[in-house]
């Protein structure tokens, strides 16, 4: 992976049903915000549920993706602490 930013944001969240639905809605909203009609999305976001594949060096890959993202969006809910 190149040293330049590959993703605009990395979305991290607890995979229980409520935060998952919020993460999906947030990803769609950000990608469609102020998007010209000829572009597929306005921002490139990494959400592990959609972008994660079986990979032998998973931790290394996630570390690289996080390092090459402009922002980390951490979704936290009270249920996440349990």
PDB file of N, CA and C in Angstrom:
ATOM      1  N   UNK A   1       0.841  -1.173   0.000  1.00  0.00           N
ATOM      2  CA  UNK A   1       0.000   0.000   0.000  1.00  0.00           C
ATOM      3  C   UNK A   1       0.888   1.238   0.000  1.00  0.00           C
ATOM      4  N   UNK A   2       0.494   2.234  -0.710  1.00  0.00           N
ATOM      5  CA  UNK A   2       1.283   3.459  -0.820  1.00  0.00           C
ATOM      6  C   UNK A   2       1.265   4.230   0.490  1.00  0.00           C
ATOM      7  N   UNK A   3       2.242   5.097   0.662  1.00  0.00           N
ATOM      8  CA  UNK A   3       2.318   5.862   1.896  1.00  0.00           C
ATOM      9  C   UNK A   3       1.316   7.017   1.925  1.00  0.00           C
ATOM     10  N   UNK A   4       0.743   7.382   0.794  1.00  0.00           N
ATOM     11  CA  UNK A   4      -0.256   8.446   0.769  1.00  0.00           C
ATOM     12  C   UNK A   4      -1.579   7.916   1.321  1.00  0.00           C
ATOM     13  N   UNK A   5      -2.465   8.824   1.644  1.00  0.00           N
ATOM     14  CA  UNK A   5      -3.749   8.424   2.211  1.00  0.00           C
ATOM     15  C   UNK A   5      -4.561   7.654   1.192  1.00  0.00           C
ATOM     16  N   UNK A   6      -4.993   6.483   1.590  1.00  0.00           N
ATOM     17  CA  UNK A   6      -5.772   5.629   0.725  1.00  0.00           C
ATOM     18  C   UNK A   6      -7.262   5.766   1.012  1.00  0.00           C
ATOM     19  N   UNK A   7      -7.617   5.981   2.283  1.00  0.00           N
ATOM     20  CA  UNK A   7      -9.010   6.154   2.692  1.00  0.00           C
ATOM     21  C   UNK A   7      -9.182   7.512   3.357  1.00  0.00           C
ATOM     22  N   UNK A   8     -10.372   8.068   3.215  1.00  0.00           N
ATOM     23  CA  UNK A   8     -10.677   9.310   3.915  1.00  0.00           C
ATOM     24  C   UNK A   8     -10.931   9.045   5.397  1.00  0.00           C
ATOM     25  N   UNK A   9     -11.536   7.887   5.705  1.00  0.00           N
ATOM     26  CA  UNK A   9     -11.814   7.563   7.106  1.00  0.00           C
ATOM     27  C   UNK A   9     -11.912   6.059   7.310  1.00  0.00           C
ATOM     28  N   UNK A  10     -11.570   5.635   8.512  1.00  0.00           N
ATOM     29  CA  UNK A  10     -11.671   4.250   8.960  1.00  0.00           C
ATOM     30  C   UNK A  10     -12.781   4.238   9.999  1.00  0.00           C
ATOM     31  N   UNK A  11     -13.840   3.460   9.773  1.00  0.00           N
ATOM     32  CA  UNK A  11     -14.963   3.398  10.704  1.00  0.00           C
ATOM     33  C   UNK A  11     -14.800   2.173  11.590  1.00  0.00           C
ATOM     34  N   UNK A  12     -14.727   2.403  12.902  1.00  0.00           N
ATOM     35  CA  UNK A  12     -14.583   1.328  13.872  1.00  0.00           C
ATOM     36  C   UNK A  12     -15.795   1.341  14.804  1.00  0.00           C
ATOM     37  N   UNK A  13     -16.324   0.159  15.089  1.00  0.00           N
ATOM     38  CA  UNK A  13     -17.526   0.083  15.915  1.00  0.00           C
ATOM     39  C   UNK A  13     -17.707  -1.328  16.457  1.00  0.00           C
ATOM     40  N   UNK A  14     -18.542  -1.448  17.482  1.00  0.00           N
ATOM     41  CA  UNK A  14     -18.936  -2.737  18.023  1.00  0.00           C
ATOM     42  C   UNK A  14     -19.912  -3.354  17.031  1.00  0.00           C
ATOM     43  N   UNK A  15     -19.776  -4.624  16.751  1.00  0.00           N
ATOM     44  CA  UNK A  15     -20.590  -5.238  15.706  1.00  0.00           C
ATOM     45  C   UNK A  15     -21.950  -5.739  16.172  1.00  0.00           C
ATOM     46  N   UNK A  16     -22.438  -5.238  17.298  1.00  0.00           N
ATOM     47  CA  UNK A  16     -23.805  -5.581  17.699  1.00  0.00           C
ATOM     48  C   UNK A  16     -24.769  -4.857  16.768  1.00  0.00           C
ATOM     49  N   UNK A  17     -26.018  -5.205  16.813  1.00  0.00           N
ATOM     50  CA  UNK A  17     -26.979  -4.717  15.811  1.00  0.00           C
ATOM     51  C   UNK A  17     -27.138  -3.200  15.761  1.00  0.00           C
ATOM     52  N   UNK A  18     -27.256  -2.515  16.895  1.00  0.00           N
ATOM     53  CA  UNK A  18     -27.492  -1.066  16.874  1.00  0.00           C
ATOM     54  C   UNK A  18     -26.301  -0.295  16.302  1.00  0.00           C
ATOM     55  N   UNK A  19     -25.076  -0.458  16.836  1.00  0.00           N
ATOM     56  CA  UNK A  19     -23.946   0.274  16.247  1.00  0.00           C
ATOM     57  C   UNK A  19     -23.696  -0.104  14.785  1.00  0.00           C
ATOM     58  N   UNK A  20     -23.966  -1.337  14.422  1.00  0.00           N
ATOM     59  CA  UNK A  20     -23.780  -1.770  13.032  1.00  0.00           C
ATOM     60  C   UNK A  20     -24.691  -0.977  12.105  1.00  0.00           C
ATOM     61  N   UNK A  21     -25.949  -0.836  12.476  1.00  0.00           N
ATOM     62  CA  UNK A  21     -26.900  -0.086  11.652  1.00  0.00           C
ATOM     63  C   UNK A  21     -26.512   1.388  11.561  1.00  0.00           C
ATOM     64  N   UNK A  22     -26.016   1.939  12.650  1.00  0.00           N
ATOM     65  CA  UNK A  22     -25.572   3.337  12.646  1.00  0.00           C
ATOM     66  C   UNK A  22     -24.343   3.494  11.748  1.00  0.00           C
ATOM     67  N   UNK A  23     -23.411   2.542  11.816  1.00  0.00           N
ATOM     68  CA  UNK A  23     -22.208   2.599  10.972  1.00  0.00           C
ATOM     69  C   UNK A  23     -22.569   2.537   9.492  1.00  0.00           C
ATOM     70  N   UNK A  24     -23.506   1.672   9.139  1.00  0.00           N
ATOM     71  CA  UNK A  24     -23.954   1.559   7.748  1.00  0.00           C
ATOM     72  C   UNK A  24     -24.586   2.872   7.288  1.00  0.00           C
ATOM     73  N   UNK A  25     -25.476   3.427   8.118  1.00  0.00           N
ATOM     74  CA  UNK A  25     -26.138   4.690   7.760  1.00  0.00           C
ATOM     75  C   UNK A  25     -25.126   5.838   7.659  1.00  0.00           C
ATOM     76  N   UNK A  26     -24.162   5.875   8.597  1.00  0.00           N
ATOM     77  CA  UNK A  26     -23.134   6.913   8.562  1.00  0.00           C
ATOM     78  C   UNK A  26     -22.281   6.806   7.305  1.00  0.00           C
ATOM     79  N   UNK A  27     -21.894   5.594   6.943  1.00  0.00           N
ATOM     80  CA  UNK A  27     -21.096   5.390   5.735  1.00  0.00           C
ATOM     81  C   UNK A  27     -21.850   5.876   4.501  1.00  0.00           C
ATOM     82  N   UNK A  28     -23.104   5.506   4.378  1.00  0.00           N
ATOM     83  CA  UNK A  28     -23.907   5.942   3.219  1.00  0.00           C
ATOM     84  C   UNK A  28     -24.054   7.464   3.184  1.00  0.00           C
ATOM     85  N   UNK A  29     -24.333   8.064   4.349  1.00  0.00           N
ATOM     86  CA  UNK A  29     -24.526   9.512   4.400  1.00  0.00           C
ATOM     87  C   UNK A  29     -23.259  10.263   4.003  1.00  0.00           C
ATOM     88  N   UNK A  30     -22.121   9.827   4.529  1.00  0.00           N
ATOM     89  CA  UNK A  30     -20.856  10.503   4.201  1.00  0.00           C
ATOM     90  C   UNK A  30     -20.513  10.316   2.727  1.00  0.00           C
ATOM     91  N   UNK A  31     -20.701   9.115   2.212  1.00  0.00           N
ATOM     92  CA  UNK A  31     -20.341   8.860   0.819  1.00  0.00           C
ATOM     93  C   UNK A  31     -21.242   9.591  -0.166  1.00  0.00           C
ATOM     94  N   UNK A  32     -22.461   9.897   0.236  1.00  0.00           N
ATOM     95  CA  UNK A  32     -23.385  10.584  -0.664  1.00  0.00           C
ATOM     96  C   UNK A  32     -23.452  12.090  -0.428  1.00  0.00           C
ATOM     97  N   UNK A  33     -22.805  12.580   0.622  1.00  0.00           N
ATOM     98  CA  UNK A  33     -22.850  13.994   0.944  1.00  0.00           C
ATOM     99  C   UNK A  33     -22.123  14.807  -0.120  1.00  0.00           C
ATOM    100  N   UNK A  34     -22.800  15.761  -0.689  1.00  0.00           N
ATOM    101  CA  UNK A  34     -22.220  16.673  -1.681  1.00  0.00           C
ATOM    102  C   UNK A  34     -21.488  15.936  -2.801  1.00  0.00           C
ATOM    103  N   UNK A  35     -22.099  14.884  -3.280  1.00  0.00           N
ATOM    104  CA  UNK A  35     -21.503  14.050  -4.321  1.00  0.00           C
ATOM    105  C   UNK A  35     -21.980  14.502  -5.693  1.00  0.00           C
ATOM    106  N   UNK A  36     -21.049  14.794  -6.597  1.00  0.00           N
ATOM    107  CA  UNK A  36     -21.464  15.098  -7.969  1.00  0.00           C
ATOM    108  C   UNK A  36     -22.140  13.864  -8.585  1.00  0.00           C
ATOM    109  N   UNK A  37     -23.075  14.053  -9.471  1.00  0.00           N
ATOM    110  CA  UNK A  37     -23.837  12.934 -10.033  1.00  0.00           C
ATOM    111  C   UNK A  37     -22.966  11.941 -10.807  1.00  0.00           C
ATOM    112  N   UNK A  38     -21.806  12.376 -11.291  1.00  0.00           N
ATOM    113  CA  UNK A  38     -20.970  11.477 -12.094  1.00  0.00           C
ATOM    114  C   UNK A  38     -20.007  10.630 -11.248  1.00  0.00           C
ATOM    115  N   UNK A  39     -19.942  10.888  -9.948  1.00  0.00           N
ATOM    116  CA  UNK A  39     -19.047  10.112  -9.081  1.00  0.00           C
ATOM    117  C   UNK A  39     -19.839   9.081  -8.283  1.00  0.00           C
ATOM    118  N   UNK A  40     -19.210   7.942  -8.026  1.00  0.00           N
ATOM    119  CA  UNK A  40     -19.860   6.888  -7.253  1.00  0.00           C
ATOM    120  C   UNK A  40     -20.035   7.286  -5.788  1.00  0.00           C
ATOM    121  N   UNK A  41     -19.063   8.028  -5.228  1.00  0.00           N
ATOM    122  CA  UNK A  41     -19.122   8.447  -3.830  1.00  0.00           C
ATOM    123  C   UNK A  41     -18.263   9.682  -3.641  1.00  0.00           C
ATOM    124  N   UNK A  42     -18.551  10.427  -2.579  1.00  0.00           N
ATOM    125  CA  UNK A  42     -17.779  11.639  -2.329  1.00  0.00           C
ATOM    126  C   UNK A  42     -16.572  11.386  -1.427  1.00  0.00           C
ATOM    127  N   UNK A  43     -16.573  10.269  -0.711  1.00  0.00           N
ATOM    128  CA  UNK A  43     -15.461   9.949   0.185  1.00  0.00           C
ATOM    129  C   UNK A  43     -15.196   8.451   0.150  1.00  0.00           C
ATOM    130  N   UNK A  44     -13.963   8.097   0.395  1.00  0.00           N
ATOM    131  CA  UNK A  44     -13.574   6.687   0.467  1.00  0.00           C
ATOM    132  C   UNK A  44     -13.474   6.282   1.917  1.00  0.00           C
ATOM    133  N   UNK A  45     -14.354   5.385   2.360  1.00  0.00           N
ATOM    134  CA  UNK A  45     -14.401   4.966   3.749  1.00  0.00           C
ATOM    135  C   UNK A  45     -14.087   3.485   3.870  1.00  0.00           C
ATOM    136  N   UNK A  46     -13.436   3.118   4.961  1.00  0.00           N
ATOM    137  CA  UNK A  46     -13.136   1.715   5.247  1.00  0.00           C
ATOM    138  C   UNK A  46     -13.992   1.288   6.433  1.00  0.00           C
ATOM    139  N   UNK A  47     -14.878   0.342   6.207  1.00  0.00           N
ATOM    140  CA  UNK A  47     -15.671  -0.272   7.274  1.00  0.00           C
ATOM    141  C   UNK A  47     -15.419  -1.760   7.152  1.00  0.00           C
ATOM    142  N   UNK A  48     -14.835  -2.357   8.174  1.00  0.00           N
ATOM    143  CA  UNK A  48     -14.330  -3.723   8.053  1.00  0.00           C
ATOM    144  C   UNK A  48     -15.363  -4.747   7.606  1.00  0.00           C
ATOM    145  N   UNK A  49     -16.604  -4.522   7.877  1.00  0.00           N
ATOM    146  CA  UNK A  49     -17.621  -5.487   7.454  1.00  0.00           C
ATOM    147  C   UNK A  49     -17.762  -5.537   5.932  1.00  0.00           C
ATOM    148  N   UNK A  50     -17.535  -4.426   5.264  1.00  0.00           N
ATOM    149  CA  UNK A  50     -17.674  -4.400   3.811  1.00  0.00           C
ATOM    150  C   UNK A  50     -16.347  -4.591   3.097  1.00  0.00           C
ATOM    151  N   UNK A  51     -15.245  -4.233   3.754  1.00  0.00           N
ATOM    152  CA  UNK A  51     -13.955  -4.248   3.080  1.00  0.00           C
ATOM    153  C   UNK A  51     -12.999  -5.336   3.566  1.00  0.00           C
ATOM    154  N   UNK A  52     -13.407  -6.105   4.549  1.00  0.00           N
ATOM    155  CA  UNK A  52     -12.524  -7.110   5.134  1.00  0.00           C
ATOM    156  C   UNK A  52     -12.601  -8.422   4.362  1.00  0.00           C
ATOM    157  N   UNK A  53     -11.452  -8.982   4.075  1.00  0.00           N
ATOM    158  CA  UNK A  53     -11.395 -10.267   3.388  1.00  0.00           C
ATOM    159  C   UNK A  53     -10.528 -11.223   4.200  1.00  0.00           C
ATOM    160  N   UNK A  54     -10.600 -12.496   3.892  1.00  0.00           N
ATOM    161  CA  UNK A  54      -9.723 -13.465   4.545  1.00  0.00           C
ATOM    162  C   UNK A  54      -8.296 -13.163   4.107  1.00  0.00           C
ATOM    163  N   UNK A  55      -7.453 -12.887   5.054  1.00  0.00           N
ATOM    164  CA  UNK A  55      -6.103 -12.449   4.742  1.00  0.00           C
ATOM    165  C   UNK A  55      -5.179 -12.972   5.831  1.00  0.00           C
ATOM    166  N   UNK A  56      -4.094 -13.639   5.466  1.00  0.00           N
ATOM    167  CA  UNK A  56      -3.211 -14.234   6.469  1.00  0.00           C
ATOM    168  C   UNK A  56      -2.602 -13.223   7.448  1.00  0.00           C
ATOM    169  N   UNK A  57      -2.264 -12.055   6.982  1.00  0.00           N
ATOM    170  CA  UNK A  57      -1.658 -11.023   7.839  1.00  0.00           C
ATOM    171  C   UNK A  57      -2.693  -9.945   8.137  1.00  0.00           C
ATOM    172  N   UNK A  58      -3.816 -10.355   8.708  1.00  0.00           N
ATOM    173  CA  UNK A  58      -4.949  -9.454   8.935  1.00  0.00           C
ATOM    174  C   UNK A  58      -4.565  -8.249   9.794  1.00  0.00           C
ATOM    175  N   UNK A  59      -3.883  -8.478  10.908  1.00  0.00           N
ATOM    176  CA  UNK A  59      -3.511  -7.377  11.795  1.00  0.00           C
ATOM    177  C   UNK A  59      -2.640  -6.358  11.065  1.00  0.00           C
ATOM    178  N   UNK A  60      -1.684  -6.846  10.302  1.00  0.00           N
ATOM    179  CA  UNK A  60      -0.794  -5.955   9.547  1.00  0.00           C
ATOM    180  C   UNK A  60      -1.583  -5.143   8.525  1.00  0.00           C
ATOM    181  N   UNK A  61      -2.525  -5.792   7.840  1.00  0.00           N
ATOM    182  CA  UNK A  61      -3.327  -5.095   6.844  1.00  0.00           C
ATOM    183  C   UNK A  61      -4.183  -4.012   7.505  1.00  0.00           C
ATOM    184  N   UNK A  62      -4.839  -4.338   8.637  1.00  0.00           N
ATOM    185  CA  UNK A  62      -5.668  -3.352   9.331  1.00  0.00           C
ATOM    186  C   UNK A  62      -4.825  -2.178   9.829  1.00  0.00           C
ATOM    187  N   UNK A  63      -3.623  -2.468  10.304  1.00  0.00           N
ATOM    188  CA  UNK A  63      -2.715  -1.416  10.765  1.00  0.00           C
ATOM    189  C   UNK A  63      -2.347  -0.486   9.612  1.00  0.00           C
ATOM    190  N   UNK A  64      -2.075  -1.047   8.448  1.00  0.00           N
ATOM    191  CA  UNK A  64      -1.740  -0.230   7.269  1.00  0.00           C
ATOM    192  C   UNK A  64      -2.920   0.621   6.831  1.00  0.00           C
ATOM    193  N   UNK A  65      -4.108   0.023   6.796  1.00  0.00           N
ATOM    194  CA  UNK A  65      -5.305   0.770   6.379  1.00  0.00           C
ATOM    195  C   UNK A  65      -5.555   1.920   7.350  1.00  0.00           C
ATOM    196  N   UNK A  66      -5.456   1.640   8.641  1.00  0.00           N
ATOM    197  CA  UNK A  66      -5.664   2.682   9.639  1.00  0.00           C
ATOM    198  C   UNK A  66      -4.600   3.772   9.519  1.00  0.00           C
ATOM    199  N   UNK A  67      -3.366   3.384   9.294  1.00  0.00           N
ATOM    200  CA  UNK A  67      -2.274   4.359   9.133  1.00  0.00           C
ATOM    201  C   UNK A  67      -2.449   5.217   7.886  1.00  0.00           C
ATOM    202  N   UNK A  68      -3.089   4.671   6.883  1.00  0.00           N
ATOM    203  CA  UNK A  68      -3.269   5.375   5.611  1.00  0.00           C
ATOM    204  C   UNK A  68      -4.664   5.960   5.462  1.00  0.00           C
ATOM    205  N   UNK A  69      -5.311   6.248   6.584  1.00  0.00           N
ATOM    206  CA  UNK A  69      -6.617   6.897   6.588  1.00  0.00           C
ATOM    207  C   UNK A  69      -6.464   8.282   7.212  1.00  0.00           C
ATOM    208  N   UNK A  70      -7.192   9.253   6.677  1.00  0.00           N
ATOM    209  CA  UNK A  70      -7.119  10.608   7.221  1.00  0.00           C
ATOM    210  C   UNK A  70      -7.722  10.680   8.612  1.00  0.00           C
ATOM    211  N   UNK A  71      -8.856   9.987   8.813  1.00  0.00           N
ATOM    212  CA  UNK A  71      -9.581  10.080  10.074  1.00  0.00           C
ATOM    213  C   UNK A  71      -9.971   8.705  10.586  1.00  0.00           C
ATOM    214  N   UNK A  72     -10.156   8.612  11.906  1.00  0.00           N
ATOM    215  CA  UNK A  72     -10.711   7.426  12.547  1.00  0.00           C
ATOM    216  C   UNK A  72     -12.056   7.838  13.116  1.00  0.00           C
ATOM    217  N   UNK A  73     -13.118   7.187  12.668  1.00  0.00           N
ATOM    218  CA  UNK A  73     -14.451   7.431  13.202  1.00  0.00           C
ATOM    219  C   UNK A  73     -14.769   6.275  14.135  1.00  0.00           C
ATOM    220  N   UNK A  74     -14.782   6.546  15.433  1.00  0.00           N
ATOM    221  CA  UNK A  74     -15.030   5.522  16.429  1.00  0.00           C
ATOM    222  C   UNK A  74     -16.445   5.694  16.944  1.00  0.00           C
ATOM    223  N   UNK A  75     -17.292   4.699  16.690  1.00  0.00           N
ATOM    224  CA  UNK A  75     -18.675   4.738  17.169  1.00  0.00           C
ATOM    225  C   UNK A  75     -18.733   3.965  18.474  1.00  0.00           C
ATOM    226  N   UNK A  76     -19.168   4.628  19.506  1.00  0.00           N
ATOM    227  CA  UNK A  76     -19.212   4.024  20.826  1.00  0.00           C
ATOM    228  C   UNK A  76     -20.636   4.073  21.348  1.00  0.00           C
ATOM    229  N   UNK A  77     -21.064   3.003  22.005  1.00  0.00           N
ATOM    230  CA  UNK A  77     -22.378   2.964  22.626  1.00  0.00           C
ATOM    231  C   UNK A  77     -22.206   2.402  24.038  1.00  0.00           C
ATOM    232  N   UNK A  78     -23.145   2.642  24.923  1.00  0.00           N
ATOM    233  CA  UNK A  78     -23.042   2.094  26.278  1.00  0.00           C
ATOM    234  C   UNK A  78     -22.909   0.576  26.294  1.00  0.00           C
ATOM    235  N   UNK A  79     -23.509  -0.102  25.334  1.00  0.00           N
ATOM    236  CA  UNK A  79     -23.409  -1.566  25.260  1.00  0.00           C
ATOM    237  C   UNK A  79     -22.006  -2.035  24.885  1.00  0.00           C
ATOM    238  N   UNK A  80     -21.202  -1.169  24.309  1.00  0.00           N
ATOM    239  CA  UNK A  80     -19.850  -1.540  23.889  1.00  0.00           C
ATOM    240  C   UNK A  80     -18.945  -1.859  25.065  1.00  0.00           C
ATOM    241  N   UNK A  81     -19.260  -1.302  26.213  1.00  0.00           N
ATOM    242  CA  UNK A  81     -18.408  -1.522  27.385  1.00  0.00           C
ATOM    243  C   UNK A  81     -18.671  -2.848  28.081  1.00  0.00           C
ATOM    244  N   UNK A  82     -19.707  -3.545  27.675  1.00  0.00           N
ATOM    245  CA  UNK A  82     -20.056  -4.823  28.319  1.00  0.00           C
ATOM    246  C   UNK A  82     -19.321  -5.974  27.719  1.00  0.00           C
TER     247      UNK A  82
END
